[in-house]
Amino acid sequence: MFNAYPAIFFHEQDGGYSAVFPDLNHLATCDDTLQETMEMAEDALRGYLYVEKIDGHEIPAPTPLDLVDIHCEDDPEDDYADEDRFVKLIIVDVEEYVRTHFHAKSRPI
């Protein structure tokens, strides 16, 4: 089963990139390149959803992409231009992630 959540991507002032999932307790990740950050965002989302599901926590519904406030993660100390950030829907298959990365005795989701 696929899950999809919006992530806000930032081009950091030091040259790297960060991604934040505002719907998921501000789950965040970063890396040196945009491609690596997108891959890290997928991995972070899969892991987060897996842990939340096996722990029995309610997972919030994703905010529709067009309703994500691109400034919701802003820090008053940062000075990012709008062209340094964007929102992207990250789609993951948590069940496939579990089959691939955990042995057969892992708790089902």
PDB file of N, CA and C in Angstrom:
ATOM      1  N   MET A   1       0.832  -1.167   0.000  1.00  0.00           N
ATOM      2  CA  MET A   1       0.000   0.000   0.000  1.00  0.00           C
ATOM      3  C   MET A   1       0.887   1.245   0.000  1.00  0.00           C
ATOM      4  N   PHE A   2       0.522   2.188  -0.815  1.00  0.00           N
ATOM      5  CA  PHE A   2       1.305   3.403  -0.934  1.00  0.00           C
ATOM      6  C   PHE A   2       0.790   4.474   0.024  1.00  0.00           C
ATOM      7  N   ASN A   3       1.720   5.257   0.547  1.00  0.00           N
ATOM      8  CA  ASN A   3       1.414   6.420   1.362  1.00  0.00           C
ATOM      9  C   ASN A   3       2.074   7.618   0.699  1.00  0.00           C
ATOM     10  N   ALA A   4       1.424   8.771   0.784  1.00  0.00           N
ATOM     11  CA  ALA A   4       1.971   9.983   0.170  1.00  0.00           C
ATOM     12  C   ALA A   4       1.810  11.159   1.123  1.00  0.00           C
ATOM     13  N   TYR A   5       2.903  11.874   1.340  1.00  0.00           N
ATOM     14  CA  TYR A   5       2.899  13.049   2.206  1.00  0.00           C
ATOM     15  C   TYR A   5       3.702  14.162   1.554  1.00  0.00           C
ATOM     16  N   PRO A   6       3.256  15.405   1.730  1.00  0.00           N
ATOM     17  CA  PRO A   6       4.019  16.523   1.189  1.00  0.00           C
ATOM     18  C   PRO A   6       5.234  16.828   2.061  1.00  0.00           C
ATOM     19  N   ALA A   7       6.313  17.150   1.400  1.00  0.00           N
ATOM     20  CA  ALA A   7       7.539  17.588   2.077  1.00  0.00           C
ATOM     21  C   ALA A   7       7.929  18.944   1.515  1.00  0.00           C
ATOM     22  N   ILE A   8       8.402  19.793   2.394  1.00  0.00           N
ATOM     23  CA  ILE A   8       8.919  21.095   1.981  1.00  0.00           C
ATOM     24  C   ILE A   8      10.435  20.947   1.857  1.00  0.00           C
ATOM     25  N   PHE A   9      10.960  21.255   0.683  1.00  0.00           N
ATOM     26  CA  PHE A   9      12.390  21.169   0.432  1.00  0.00           C
ATOM     27  C   PHE A   9      12.985  22.572   0.460  1.00  0.00           C
ATOM     28  N   PHE A  10      14.141  22.695   1.117  1.00  0.00           N
ATOM     29  CA  PHE A  10      14.857  23.954   1.238  1.00  0.00           C
ATOM     30  C   PHE A  10      16.248  23.814   0.658  1.00  0.00           C
ATOM     31  N   HIS A  11      16.675  24.792  -0.094  1.00  0.00           N
ATOM     32  CA  HIS A  11      18.081  24.862  -0.486  1.00  0.00           C
ATOM     33  C   HIS A  11      18.775  25.649   0.610  1.00  0.00           C
ATOM     34  N   GLU A  12      19.574  24.956   1.388  1.00  0.00           N
ATOM     35  CA  GLU A  12      20.217  25.557   2.551  1.00  0.00           C
ATOM     36  C   GLU A  12      21.280  26.569   2.135  1.00  0.00           C
ATOM     37  N   GLN A  13      21.528  27.508   3.000  1.00  0.00           N
ATOM     38  CA  GLN A  13      22.503  28.552   2.716  1.00  0.00           C
ATOM     39  C   GLN A  13      23.923  28.001   2.615  1.00  0.00           C
ATOM     40  N   ASP A  14      24.173  26.841   3.218  1.00  0.00           N
ATOM     41  CA  ASP A  14      25.504  26.225   3.125  1.00  0.00           C
ATOM     42  C   ASP A  14      25.675  25.384   1.865  1.00  0.00           C
ATOM     43  N   GLY A  15      24.618  25.325   1.032  1.00  0.00           N
ATOM     44  CA  GLY A  15      24.696  24.597  -0.225  1.00  0.00           C
ATOM     45  C   GLY A  15      23.968  23.273  -0.233  1.00  0.00           C
ATOM     46  N   GLY A  16      23.689  22.694   0.938  1.00  0.00           N
ATOM     47  CA  GLY A  16      22.968  21.433   1.001  1.00  0.00           C
ATOM     48  C   GLY A  16      21.463  21.653   0.878  1.00  0.00           C
ATOM     49  N   TYR A  17      20.717  20.590   1.113  1.00  0.00           N
ATOM     50  CA  TYR A  17      19.259  20.637   1.038  1.00  0.00           C
ATOM     51  C   TYR A  17      18.660  19.981   2.272  1.00  0.00           C
ATOM     52  N   SER A  18      17.495  20.455   2.659  1.00  0.00           N
ATOM     53  CA  SER A  18      16.736  19.861   3.760  1.00  0.00           C
ATOM     54  C   SER A  18      15.317  19.601   3.282  1.00  0.00           C
ATOM     55  N   ALA A  19      14.668  18.621   3.910  1.00  0.00           N
ATOM     56  CA  ALA A  19      13.273  18.314   3.641  1.00  0.00           C
ATOM     57  C   ALA A  19      12.562  18.153   4.977  1.00  0.00           C
ATOM     58  N   VAL A  20      11.361  18.708   5.074  1.00  0.00           N
ATOM     59  CA  VAL A  20      10.561  18.637   6.294  1.00  0.00           C
ATOM     60  C   VAL A  20       9.152  18.205   5.933  1.00  0.00           C
ATOM     61  N   PHE A  21       8.609  17.265   6.726  1.00  0.00           N
ATOM     62  CA  PHE A  21       7.230  16.815   6.580  1.00  0.00           C
ATOM     63  C   PHE A  21       6.404  17.475   7.683  1.00  0.00           C
ATOM     64  N   PRO A  22       5.735  18.582   7.403  1.00  0.00           N
ATOM     65  CA  PRO A  22       5.019  19.295   8.463  1.00  0.00           C
ATOM     66  C   PRO A  22       3.871  18.494   9.072  1.00  0.00           C
ATOM     67  N   ASP A  23       3.283  17.567   8.338  1.00  0.00           N
ATOM     68  CA  ASP A  23       2.171  16.755   8.863  1.00  0.00           C
ATOM     69  C   ASP A  23       2.631  15.702   9.865  1.00  0.00           C
ATOM     70  N   LEU A  24       3.911  15.389   9.879  1.00  0.00           N
ATOM     71  CA  LEU A  24       4.419  14.262  10.656  1.00  0.00           C
ATOM     72  C   LEU A  24       5.390  14.733  11.739  1.00  0.00           C
ATOM     73  N   ASN A  25       4.891  15.562  12.625  1.00  0.00           N
ATOM     74  CA  ASN A  25       5.691  16.081  13.741  1.00  0.00           C
ATOM     75  C   ASN A  25       6.993  16.715  13.273  1.00  0.00           C
ATOM     76  N   HIS A  26       6.957  17.329  12.115  1.00  0.00           N
ATOM     77  CA  HIS A  26       8.111  18.043  11.556  1.00  0.00           C
ATOM     78  C   HIS A  26       9.290  17.116  11.282  1.00  0.00           C
ATOM     79  N   LEU A  27       8.977  15.876  10.904  1.00  0.00           N
ATOM     80  CA  LEU A  27      10.013  14.932  10.487  1.00  0.00           C
ATOM     81  C   LEU A  27      10.900  15.618   9.457  1.00  0.00           C
ATOM     82  N   ALA A  28      12.204  15.522   9.644  1.00  0.00           N
ATOM     83  CA  ALA A  28      13.126  16.233   8.757  1.00  0.00           C
ATOM     84  C   ALA A  28      14.342  15.381   8.425  1.00  0.00           C
ATOM     85  N   THR A  29      14.950  15.704   7.305  1.00  0.00           N
ATOM     86  CA  THR A  29      16.185  15.070   6.883  1.00  0.00           C
ATOM     87  C   THR A  29      16.942  16.046   6.001  1.00  0.00           C
ATOM     88  N   CYS A  30      18.197  15.737   5.700  1.00  0.00           N
ATOM     89  CA  CYS A  30      18.995  16.615   4.843  1.00  0.00           C
ATOM     90  C   CYS A  30      20.130  15.821   4.208  1.00  0.00           C
ATOM     91  N   ASP A  31      20.724  16.432   3.194  1.00  0.00           N
ATOM     92  CA  ASP A  31      21.902  15.843   2.557  1.00  0.00           C
ATOM     93  C   ASP A  31      22.569  16.910   1.695  1.00  0.00           C
ATOM     94  N   ASP A  32      23.611  16.521   0.994  1.00  0.00           N
ATOM     95  CA  ASP A  32      24.395  17.482   0.222  1.00  0.00           C
ATOM     96  C   ASP A  32      23.730  17.922  -1.078  1.00  0.00           C
ATOM     97  N   THR A  33      23.040  16.998  -1.764  1.00  0.00           N
ATOM     98  CA  THR A  33      22.424  17.331  -3.051  1.00  0.00           C
ATOM     99  C   THR A  33      20.914  17.150  -2.961  1.00  0.00           C
ATOM    100  N   LEU A  34      20.223  17.755  -3.917  1.00  0.00           N
ATOM    101  CA  LEU A  34      18.769  17.621  -3.942  1.00  0.00           C
ATOM    102  C   LEU A  34      18.366  16.166  -4.151  1.00  0.00           C
ATOM    103  N   GLN A  35      19.029  15.454  -5.047  1.00  0.00           N
ATOM    104  CA  GLN A  35      18.709  14.046  -5.293  1.00  0.00           C
ATOM    105  C   GLN A  35      18.897  13.209  -4.031  1.00  0.00           C
ATOM    106  N   GLU A  36      20.015  13.401  -3.353  1.00  0.00           N
ATOM    107  CA  GLU A  36      20.259  12.655  -2.116  1.00  0.00           C
ATOM    108  C   GLU A  36      19.219  13.001  -1.048  1.00  0.00           C
ATOM    109  N   THR A  37      18.820  14.254  -0.977  1.00  0.00           N
ATOM    110  CA  THR A  37      17.817  14.668   0.006  1.00  0.00           C
ATOM    111  C   THR A  37      16.466  14.057  -0.316  1.00  0.00           C
ATOM    112  N   MET A  38      16.115  13.955  -1.584  1.00  0.00           N
ATOM    113  CA  MET A  38      14.854  13.305  -1.955  1.00  0.00           C
ATOM    114  C   MET A  38      14.872  11.831  -1.566  1.00  0.00           C
ATOM    115  N   GLU A  39      16.003  11.177  -1.778  1.00  0.00           N
ATOM    116  CA  GLU A  39      16.129   9.768  -1.380  1.00  0.00           C
ATOM    117  C   GLU A  39      16.046   9.632   0.143  1.00  0.00           C
ATOM    118  N   MET A  40      16.689  10.537   0.850  1.00  0.00           N
ATOM    119  CA  MET A  40      16.634  10.522   2.316  1.00  0.00           C
ATOM    120  C   MET A  40      15.205  10.782   2.804  1.00  0.00           C
ATOM    121  N   ALA A  41      14.486  11.658   2.115  1.00  0.00           N
ATOM    122  CA  ALA A  41      13.102  11.955   2.493  1.00  0.00           C
ATOM    123  C   ALA A  41      12.228  10.710   2.344  1.00  0.00           C
ATOM    124  N   GLU A  42      12.422   9.971   1.272  1.00  0.00           N
ATOM    125  CA  GLU A  42      11.664   8.728   1.086  1.00  0.00           C
ATOM    126  C   GLU A  42      11.974   7.748   2.208  1.00  0.00           C
ATOM    127  N   ASP A  43      13.240   7.583   2.513  1.00  0.00           N
ATOM    128  CA  ASP A  43      13.640   6.651   3.559  1.00  0.00           C
ATOM    129  C   ASP A  43      13.109   7.093   4.921  1.00  0.00           C
ATOM    130  N   ALA A  44      13.210   8.375   5.218  1.00  0.00           N
ATOM    131  CA  ALA A  44      12.699   8.893   6.493  1.00  0.00           C
ATOM    132  C   ALA A  44      11.191   8.673   6.603  1.00  0.00           C
ATOM    133  N   LEU A  45      10.469   8.920   5.520  1.00  0.00           N
ATOM    134  CA  LEU A  45       9.016   8.738   5.537  1.00  0.00           C
ATOM    135  C   LEU A  45       8.646   7.278   5.737  1.00  0.00           C
ATOM    136  N   ARG A  46       9.298   6.380   5.017  1.00  0.00           N
ATOM    137  CA  ARG A  46       9.010   4.944   5.188  1.00  0.00           C
ATOM    138  C   ARG A  46       9.260   4.512   6.628  1.00  0.00           C
ATOM    139  N   GLY A  47      10.401   4.874   7.165  1.00  0.00           N
ATOM    140  CA  GLY A  47      10.730   4.480   8.530  1.00  0.00           C
ATOM    141  C   GLY A  47       9.785   5.070   9.551  1.00  0.00           C
ATOM    142  N   TYR A  48       9.446   6.319   9.402  1.00  0.00           N
ATOM    143  CA  TYR A  48       8.540   6.982  10.338  1.00  0.00           C
ATOM    144  C   TYR A  48       7.163   6.313  10.332  1.00  0.00           C
ATOM    145  N   LEU A  49       6.611   6.114   9.132  1.00  0.00           N
ATOM    146  CA  LEU A  49       5.284   5.494   9.043  1.00  0.00           C
ATOM    147  C   LEU A  49       5.296   4.077   9.596  1.00  0.00           C
ATOM    148  N   TYR A  50       6.354   3.326   9.345  1.00  0.00           N
ATOM    149  CA  TYR A  50       6.459   1.963   9.862  1.00  0.00           C
ATOM    150  C   TYR A  50       6.432   1.962  11.390  1.00  0.00           C
ATOM    151  N   VAL A  51       7.250   2.782  11.991  1.00  0.00           N
ATOM    152  CA  VAL A  51       7.317   2.825  13.456  1.00  0.00           C
ATOM    153  C   VAL A  51       5.992   3.288  14.048  1.00  0.00           C
ATOM    154  N   GLU A  52       5.383   4.295  13.456  1.00  0.00           N
ATOM    155  CA  GLU A  52       4.098   4.781  13.968  1.00  0.00           C
ATOM    156  C   GLU A  52       3.030   3.690  13.889  1.00  0.00           C
ATOM    157  N   LYS A  53       3.024   2.939  12.798  1.00  0.00           N
ATOM    158  CA  LYS A  53       2.026   1.875  12.632  1.00  0.00           C
ATOM    159  C   LYS A  53       2.249   0.738  13.618  1.00  0.00           C
ATOM    160  N   ILE A  54       3.490   0.273  13.776  1.00  0.00           N
ATOM    161  CA  ILE A  54       3.701  -0.854  14.700  1.00  0.00           C
ATOM    162  C   ILE A  54       3.518  -0.435  16.151  1.00  0.00           C
ATOM    163  N   ASP A  55       3.713   0.856  16.433  1.00  0.00           N
ATOM    164  CA  ASP A  55       3.483   1.355  17.793  1.00  0.00           C
ATOM    165  C   ASP A  55       2.009   1.667  18.050  1.00  0.00           C
ATOM    166  N   GLY A  56       1.181   1.521  17.028  1.00  0.00           N
ATOM    167  CA  GLY A  56      -0.250   1.739  17.186  1.00  0.00           C
ATOM    168  C   GLY A  56      -0.685   3.191  17.230  1.00  0.00           C
ATOM    169  N   HIS A  57       0.176   4.084  16.772  1.00  0.00           N
ATOM    170  CA  HIS A  57      -0.174   5.504  16.773  1.00  0.00           C
ATOM    171  C   HIS A  57      -1.031   5.855  15.562  1.00  0.00           C
ATOM    172  N   GLU A  58      -1.909   6.794  15.750  1.00  0.00           N
ATOM    173  CA  GLU A  58      -2.734   7.267  14.646  1.00  0.00           C
ATOM    174  C   GLU A  58      -1.881   8.149  13.745  1.00  0.00           C
ATOM    175  N   ILE A  59      -1.938   7.882  12.468  1.00  0.00           N
ATOM    176  CA  ILE A  59      -1.163   8.655  11.498  1.00  0.00           C
ATOM    177  C   ILE A  59      -2.099   9.694  10.888  1.00  0.00           C
ATOM    178  N   PRO A  60      -1.700  10.961  10.920  1.00  0.00           N
ATOM    179  CA  PRO A  60      -2.585  12.005  10.394  1.00  0.00           C
ATOM    180  C   PRO A  60      -2.738  11.910   8.883  1.00  0.00           C
ATOM    181  N   ALA A  61      -3.850  12.419   8.417  1.00  0.00           N
ATOM    182  CA  ALA A  61      -4.064  12.498   6.975  1.00  0.00           C
ATOM    183  C   ALA A  61      -3.105  13.538   6.398  1.00  0.00           C
ATOM    184  N   PRO A  62      -2.622  13.306   5.193  1.00  0.00           N
ATOM    185  CA  PRO A  62      -1.723  14.286   4.589  1.00  0.00           C
ATOM    186  C   PRO A  62      -2.481  15.544   4.166  1.00  0.00           C
ATOM    187  N   THR A  63      -1.831  16.669   4.299  1.00  0.00           N
ATOM    188  CA  THR A  63      -2.386  17.919   3.800  1.00  0.00           C
ATOM    189  C   THR A  63      -2.356  17.884   2.283  1.00  0.00           C
ATOM    190  N   PRO A  64      -3.441  18.285   1.619  1.00  0.00           N
ATOM    191  CA  PRO A  64      -3.389  18.347   0.151  1.00  0.00           C
ATOM    192  C   PRO A  64      -2.242  19.253  -0.297  1.00  0.00           C
ATOM    193  N   LEU A  65      -1.580  18.835  -1.343  1.00  0.00           N
ATOM    194  CA  LEU A  65      -0.377  19.519  -1.816  1.00  0.00           C
ATOM    195  C   LEU A  65      -0.606  21.014  -2.016  1.00  0.00           C
ATOM    196  N   ASP A  66      -1.748  21.378  -2.582  1.00  0.00           N
ATOM    197  CA  ASP A  66      -1.996  22.792  -2.865  1.00  0.00           C
ATOM    198  C   ASP A  66      -2.339  23.608  -1.616  1.00  0.00           C
ATOM    199  N   LEU A  67      -2.494  22.954  -0.470  1.00  0.00           N
ATOM    200  CA  LEU A  67      -2.802  23.663   0.770  1.00  0.00           C
ATOM    201  C   LEU A  67      -1.615  23.736   1.737  1.00  0.00           C
ATOM    202  N   VAL A  68      -0.490  23.178   1.352  1.00  0.00           N
ATOM    203  CA  VAL A  68       0.693  23.220   2.216  1.00  0.00           C
ATOM    204  C   VAL A  68       1.227  24.647   2.255  1.00  0.00           C
ATOM    205  N   ASP A  69       1.396  25.155   3.469  1.00  0.00           N
ATOM    206  CA  ASP A  69       1.991  26.475   3.658  1.00  0.00           C
ATOM    207  C   ASP A  69       3.500  26.333   3.570  1.00  0.00           C
ATOM    208  N   ILE A  70       4.067  26.813   2.498  1.00  0.00           N
ATOM    209  CA  ILE A  70       5.502  26.649   2.253  1.00  0.00           C
ATOM    210  C   ILE A  70       6.346  27.380   3.300  1.00  0.00           C
ATOM    211  N   HIS A  71       5.720  28.251   4.058  1.00  0.00           N
ATOM    212  CA  HIS A  71       6.433  29.003   5.082  1.00  0.00           C
ATOM    213  C   HIS A  71       6.184  28.469   6.496  1.00  0.00           C
ATOM    214  N   CYS A  72       5.449  27.364   6.639  1.00  0.00           N
ATOM    215  CA  CYS A  72       5.079  26.880   7.971  1.00  0.00           C
ATOM    216  C   CYS A  72       6.274  26.444   8.808  1.00  0.00           C
ATOM    217  N   GLU A  73       7.392  26.155   8.187  1.00  0.00           N
ATOM    218  CA  GLU A  73       8.588  25.730   8.912  1.00  0.00           C
ATOM    219  C   GLU A  73       9.610  26.844   9.063  1.00  0.00           C
ATOM    220  N   ASP A  74       9.240  28.060   8.671  1.00  0.00           N
ATOM    221  CA  ASP A  74      10.187  29.172   8.705  1.00  0.00           C
ATOM    222  C   ASP A  74      10.664  29.472  10.115  1.00  0.00           C
ATOM    223  N   ASP A  75      11.928  29.776  10.195  1.00  0.00           N
ATOM    224  CA  ASP A  75      12.548  30.246  11.426  1.00  0.00           C
ATOM    225  C   ASP A  75      12.831  31.731  11.209  1.00  0.00           C
ATOM    226  N   PRO A  76      12.420  32.586  12.139  1.00  0.00           N
ATOM    227  CA  PRO A  76      12.647  34.023  11.948  1.00  0.00           C
ATOM    228  C   PRO A  76      14.115  34.391  11.738  1.00  0.00           C
ATOM    229  N   GLU A  77      15.019  33.526  12.179  1.00  0.00           N
ATOM    230  CA  GLU A  77      16.449  33.788  12.021  1.00  0.00           C
ATOM    231  C   GLU A  77      16.957  33.495  10.610  1.00  0.00           C
ATOM    232  N   ASP A  78      16.198  32.711   9.841  1.00  0.00           N
ATOM    233  CA  ASP A  78      16.623  32.327   8.492  1.00  0.00           C
ATOM    234  C   ASP A  78      16.101  33.314   7.469  1.00  0.00           C
ATOM    235  N   ASP A  79      16.817  33.419   6.369  1.00  0.00           N
ATOM    236  CA  ASP A  79      16.449  34.343   5.307  1.00  0.00           C
ATOM    237  C   ASP A  79      16.429  33.596   3.978  1.00  0.00           C
ATOM    238  N   TYR A  80      15.408  32.770   3.782  1.00  0.00           N
ATOM    239  CA  TYR A  80      15.285  31.988   2.563  1.00  0.00           C
ATOM    240  C   TYR A  80      14.342  32.681   1.592  1.00  0.00           C
ATOM    241  N   ALA A  81      14.747  32.770   0.366  1.00  0.00           N
ATOM    242  CA  ALA A  81      13.866  33.298  -0.675  1.00  0.00           C
ATOM    243  C   ALA A  81      12.921  32.190  -1.127  1.00  0.00           C
ATOM    244  N   ASP A  82      11.761  32.578  -1.635  1.00  0.00           N
ATOM    245  CA  ASP A  82      10.790  31.579  -2.073  1.00  0.00           C
ATOM    246  C   ASP A  82      11.355  30.657  -3.148  1.00  0.00           C
ATOM    247  N   GLU A  83      12.273  31.151  -3.967  1.00  0.00           N
ATOM    248  CA  GLU A  83      12.839  30.290  -5.008  1.00  0.00           C
ATOM    249  C   GLU A  83      13.799  29.252  -4.429  1.00  0.00           C
ATOM    250  N   ASP A  84      14.122  29.354  -3.138  1.00  0.00           N
ATOM    251  CA  ASP A  84      14.993  28.387  -2.476  1.00  0.00           C
ATOM    252  C   ASP A  84      14.216  27.254  -1.820  1.00  0.00           C
ATOM    253  N   ARG A  85      12.901  27.189  -2.062  1.00  0.00           N
ATOM    254  CA  ARG A  85      12.083  26.148  -1.431  1.00  0.00           C
ATOM    255  C   ARG A  85      10.943  25.733  -2.367  1.00  0.00           C
ATOM    256  N   PHE A  86      10.489  24.496  -2.163  1.00  0.00           N
ATOM    257  CA  PHE A  86       9.345  23.998  -2.929  1.00  0.00           C
ATOM    258  C   PHE A  86       8.713  22.842  -2.163  1.00  0.00           C
ATOM    259  N   VAL A  87       7.493  22.489  -2.547  1.00  0.00           N
ATOM    260  CA  VAL A  87       6.778  21.371  -1.936  1.00  0.00           C
ATOM    261  C   VAL A  87       6.700  20.250  -2.955  1.00  0.00           C
ATOM    262  N   LYS A  88       6.960  19.033  -2.499  1.00  0.00           N
ATOM    263  CA  LYS A  88       6.884  17.852  -3.365  1.00  0.00           C
ATOM    264  C   LYS A  88       6.178  16.742  -2.603  1.00  0.00           C
ATOM    265  N   LEU A  89       5.333  16.023  -3.289  1.00  0.00           N
ATOM    266  CA  LEU A  89       4.660  14.871  -2.701  1.00  0.00           C
ATOM    267  C   LEU A  89       5.609  13.681  -2.739  1.00  0.00           C
ATOM    268  N   ILE A  90       5.864  13.105  -1.575  1.00  0.00           N
ATOM    269  CA  ILE A  90       6.741  11.934  -1.476  1.00  0.00           C
ATOM    270  C   ILE A  90       5.847  10.711  -1.307  1.00  0.00           C
ATOM    271  N   ILE A  91       6.020   9.744  -2.184  1.00  0.00           N
ATOM    272  CA  ILE A  91       5.180   8.545  -2.198  1.00  0.00           C
ATOM    273  C   ILE A  91       6.056   7.340  -1.864  1.00  0.00           C
ATOM    274  N   VAL A  92       5.614   6.562  -0.887  1.00  0.00           N
ATOM    275  CA  VAL A  92       6.390   5.396  -0.456  1.00  0.00           C
ATOM    276  C   VAL A  92       5.474   4.189  -0.281  1.00  0.00           C
ATOM    277  N   ASP A  93       6.072   3.012  -0.362  1.00  0.00           N
ATOM    278  CA  ASP A  93       5.392   1.747  -0.108  1.00  0.00           C
ATOM    279  C   ASP A  93       6.014   1.154   1.156  1.00  0.00           C
ATOM    280  N   VAL A  94       5.345   1.343   2.282  1.00  0.00           N
ATOM    281  CA  VAL A  94       5.889   0.904   3.570  1.00  0.00           C
ATOM    282  C   VAL A  94       5.969  -0.620   3.635  1.00  0.00           C
ATOM    283  N   GLU A  95       4.985  -1.312   3.107  1.00  0.00           N
ATOM    284  CA  GLU A  95       5.004  -2.776   3.152  1.00  0.00           C
ATOM    285  C   GLU A  95       6.186  -3.339   2.373  1.00  0.00           C
ATOM    286  N   GLU A  96       6.495  -2.776   1.230  1.00  0.00           N
ATOM    287  CA  GLU A  96       7.658  -3.214   0.458  1.00  0.00           C
ATOM    288  C   GLU A  96       8.945  -2.917   1.226  1.00  0.00           C
ATOM    289  N   TYR A  97       8.993  -1.785   1.876  1.00  0.00           N
ATOM    290  CA  TYR A  97      10.136  -1.401   2.706  1.00  0.00           C
ATOM    291  C   TYR A  97      10.387  -2.441   3.791  1.00  0.00           C
ATOM    292  N   VAL A  98       9.327  -2.876   4.449  1.00  0.00           N
ATOM    293  CA  VAL A  98       9.454  -3.877   5.517  1.00  0.00           C
ATOM    294  C   VAL A  98       9.944  -5.201   4.944  1.00  0.00           C
ATOM    295  N   ARG A  99       9.361  -5.622   3.820  1.00  0.00           N
ATOM    296  CA  ARG A  99       9.788  -6.888   3.199  1.00  0.00           C
ATOM    297  C   ARG A  99      11.256  -6.842   2.783  1.00  0.00           C
ATOM    298  N   THR A 100      11.715  -5.708   2.342  1.00  0.00           N
ATOM    299  CA  THR A 100      13.075  -5.574   1.839  1.00  0.00           C
ATOM    300  C   THR A 100      14.109  -5.422   2.948  1.00  0.00           C
ATOM    301  N   HIS A 101      13.757  -4.704   4.017  1.00  0.00           N
ATOM    302  CA  HIS A 101      14.757  -4.324   5.017  1.00  0.00           C
ATOM    303  C   HIS A 101      14.678  -5.069   6.346  1.00  0.00           C
ATOM    304  N   PHE A 102      13.645  -5.837   6.547  1.00  0.00           N
ATOM    305  CA  PHE A 102      13.506  -6.541   7.815  1.00  0.00           C
ATOM    306  C   PHE A 102      13.280  -8.015   7.536  1.00  0.00           C
ATOM    307  N   HIS A 103      13.671  -8.845   8.457  1.00  0.00           N
ATOM    308  CA  HIS A 103      13.496 -10.277   8.261  1.00  0.00           C
ATOM    309  C   HIS A 103      12.029 -10.660   8.457  1.00  0.00           C
ATOM    310  N   ALA A 104      11.698 -11.847   8.141  1.00  0.00           N
ATOM    311  CA  ALA A 104      10.315 -12.324   8.139  1.00  0.00           C
ATOM    312  C   ALA A 104       9.635 -12.243   9.501  1.00  0.00           C
ATOM    313  N   LYS A 105      10.393 -12.166  10.575  1.00  0.00           N
ATOM    314  CA  LYS A 105       9.787 -12.134  11.910  1.00  0.00           C
ATOM    315  C   LYS A 105       9.384 -10.725  12.330  1.00  0.00           C
ATOM    316  N   SER A 106       9.577  -9.730  11.454  1.00  0.00           N
ATOM    317  CA  SER A 106       9.150  -8.379  11.783  1.00  0.00           C
ATOM    318  C   SER A 106       7.641  -8.355  11.968  1.00  0.00           C
ATOM    319  N   ARG A 107       7.215  -7.493  12.837  1.00  0.00           N
ATOM    320  CA  ARG A 107       5.787  -7.374  13.077  1.00  0.00           C
ATOM    321  C   ARG A 107       5.102  -6.850  11.817  1.00  0.00           C
ATOM    322  N   PRO A 108       3.962  -7.437  11.457  1.00  0.00           N
ATOM    323  CA  PRO A 108       3.252  -6.974  10.253  1.00  0.00           C
ATOM    324  C   PRO A 108       2.682  -5.574  10.482  1.00  0.00           C
ATOM    325  N   ILE A 109       2.496  -4.867   9.380  1.00  0.00           N
ATOM    326  CA  ILE A 109       1.911  -3.535   9.501  1.00  0.00           C
ATOM    327  C   ILE A 109       0.488  -3.510   9.010  1.00  0.00           C
TER     328      ILE A 109
END
